[in-house]
């Protein structure tokens, strides 16, 4: 058994398969899941695990070169907006556009978050 890092075998395996420019949608329990991408559903119950916990763990494992989130997050969920503010190359777009863009994600990681607009599309970078 792994001592640290991501212990969920489905998520650890999916992350290991990602390459440069692949996109990962990290979403709350209410975000529509697009057909097509691999889905790792971490939701246990409302709020568990939180968007913040999952995003923090993923950022320890991934190189991120860009991110897209819903512009509505600024007003509807200031806590999530604050978490997203430090992401490299963050672009804010209307929520409907984020849903359309998420169709091209290679991986969807669903959290148990039950707060509005706690969603982000991460674009993978490279470590060299």
Protein backbone atom coordinates (compact mmCIF):
# COMPACT_ATOMS: atom_id res chain seq x y z
CA UNK A 1 0.00 0.00 0.00
CA UNK A 2 1.20 3.50 -0.83
CA UNK A 3 2.36 5.55 2.11
CA UNK A 4 1.41 8.96 0.74
CA UNK A 5 0.02 10.76 -2.26
CA UNK A 6 -3.22 9.70 -3.90
CA UNK A 7 -4.36 6.35 -2.56
CA UNK A 8 -7.43 5.84 -4.77
CA UNK A 9 -6.15 3.32 -7.31
CA UNK A 10 -8.53 4.46 -10.05
CA UNK A 11 -7.48 8.08 -9.71
CA UNK A 12 -3.76 7.30 -9.37
CA UNK A 13 -3.89 5.17 -12.53
CA UNK A 14 -5.85 7.75 -14.50
CA UNK A 15 -3.42 10.52 -13.54
CA UNK A 16 -0.45 8.39 -14.61
CA UNK A 17 -1.97 8.08 -18.09
CA UNK A 18 -2.33 11.82 -18.69
CA UNK A 19 -0.08 13.65 -21.10
CA UNK A 20 0.76 17.20 -22.06
CA UNK A 21 -2.36 19.27 -22.89
CA UNK A 22 -4.80 16.59 -21.63
CA UNK A 23 -7.59 18.15 -19.60
CA UNK A 24 -9.03 17.10 -16.25
CA UNK A 25 -12.42 18.32 -15.08
CA UNK A 26 -12.61 18.57 -11.29
CA UNK A 27 -16.26 19.07 -10.46
CA UNK A 28 -18.84 19.31 -7.74
CA UNK A 29 -21.62 16.78 -7.27
CA UNK A 30 -24.01 18.88 -9.37
CA UNK A 31 -21.95 19.31 -12.56
CA UNK A 32 -23.30 17.31 -15.51
CA UNK A 33 -20.82 14.53 -16.33
CA UNK A 34 -20.07 14.48 -20.07
CA UNK A 35 -20.26 11.19 -21.93
CA UNK A 36 -16.89 9.94 -23.07
CA UNK A 37 -14.16 10.84 -20.57
CA UNK A 38 -12.96 8.45 -17.91
CA UNK A 39 -14.75 9.27 -14.63
CA UNK A 40 -13.38 8.80 -11.13
CA UNK A 41 -16.22 9.52 -8.72
CA UNK A 42 -14.84 10.31 -5.26
CA UNK A 43 -18.16 11.57 -3.84
CA UNK A 44 -18.94 9.83 -0.56
CA UNK A 45 -21.67 12.12 0.76
CA UNK A 46 -22.56 15.79 0.44
CA UNK A 47 -19.37 17.77 1.01
CA UNK A 48 -17.06 14.76 1.28
CA UNK A 49 -14.50 15.00 -0.15
CA UNK A 50 -14.56 18.74 -0.63
CA UNK A 51 -13.56 20.50 -3.81
CA UNK A 52 -10.67 22.11 -1.92
CA UNK A 53 -9.31 18.76 -0.68
CA UNK A 54 -9.48 17.13 -4.10
CA UNK A 55 -8.01 20.13 -5.92
CA UNK A 56 -5.18 20.35 -3.39
CA UNK A 57 -4.36 16.67 -3.84
CA UNK A 58 -4.45 16.86 -7.61
CA UNK A 59 -2.20 19.92 -7.69
CA UNK A 60 0.39 17.95 -5.70
CA UNK A 61 0.35 15.26 -8.40
CA UNK A 62 -0.10 17.21 -11.65
CA UNK A 63 1.79 19.87 -13.55
CA UNK A 64 -0.88 22.38 -14.57
CA UNK A 65 -0.24 24.93 -17.30
CA UNK A 66 -3.73 26.37 -17.57
CA UNK A 67 -7.21 26.29 -16.10
CA UNK A 68 -10.76 27.26 -17.01
CA UNK A 69 -13.58 27.91 -14.54
CA UNK A 70 -17.04 29.45 -14.62
CA UNK A 71 -17.10 33.22 -14.27
CA UNK A 72 -20.15 32.85 -12.01
CA UNK A 73 -17.89 31.43 -9.29
CA UNK A 74 -16.74 34.95 -8.33
CA UNK A 75 -20.17 35.96 -7.04
CA UNK A 76 -21.78 32.61 -6.21
CA UNK A 77 -18.87 30.89 -4.44
CA UNK A 78 -16.12 33.25 -3.23
CA UNK A 79 -14.35 30.42 -1.35
CA UNK A 80 -13.94 28.38 -4.56
CA UNK A 81 -12.96 31.53 -6.46
CA UNK A 82 -10.17 32.14 -3.95
CA UNK A 83 -8.89 28.57 -4.42
CA UNK A 84 -8.88 28.97 -8.18
CA UNK A 85 -7.24 32.41 -8.21
CA UNK A 86 -3.74 30.96 -7.86
CA UNK A 87 -4.00 28.55 -10.79
CA UNK A 88 -1.69 29.28 -13.72
CA UNK A 89 -3.32 30.83 -16.76
CA UNK A 90 -6.80 30.82 -15.20
CA UNK A 91 -9.52 31.86 -17.63
CA UNK A 92 -13.08 32.54 -16.51
CA UNK A 93 -15.86 31.75 -18.97
CA UNK A 94 -19.65 31.49 -18.67
CA UNK A 95 -20.75 28.25 -16.96
CA UNK A 96 -22.48 27.03 -20.13
CA UNK A 97 -19.18 27.36 -22.02
CA UNK A 98 -17.37 25.42 -19.28
CA UNK A 99 -19.90 22.61 -19.64
CA UNK A 100 -19.33 22.53 -23.40
CA UNK A 101 -15.53 22.56 -23.00
CA UNK A 102 -15.68 19.75 -20.44
CA UNK A 103 -16.76 17.35 -23.19
CA UNK A 104 -13.13 17.28 -24.36
CA UNK A 105 -11.73 16.37 -20.94
CA UNK A 106 -9.78 13.14 -20.79
CA UNK A 107 -10.63 12.63 -17.11
CA UNK A 108 -13.46 13.76 -14.82
CA UNK A 109 -12.90 13.76 -11.06
CA UNK A 110 -16.18 14.19 -9.20
CA UNK A 111 -16.01 15.50 -5.65
CA UNK A 112 -18.72 15.47 -2.99
CA UNK A 113 -18.82 19.28 -3.01
CA UNK A 114 -22.33 20.64 -2.67
CA UNK A 115 -21.60 24.33 -3.32
CA UNK A 116 -22.27 26.10 -6.64
CA UNK A 117 -19.66 26.45 -9.37
CA UNK A 118 -16.94 24.43 -7.60
CA UNK A 119 -15.65 23.20 -10.94
CA UNK A 120 -12.43 23.66 -12.88
CA UNK A 121 -10.92 22.30 -16.06
CA UNK A 122 -7.18 21.79 -15.63
CA UNK A 123 -4.82 21.56 -18.63
CA UNK A 124 -1.82 19.34 -17.97
CA UNK A 125 1.68 20.63 -18.50
CA UNK A 126 5.04 18.87 -18.45
CA UNK A 127 7.58 18.67 -15.64
CA UNK A 128 10.62 19.54 -17.77
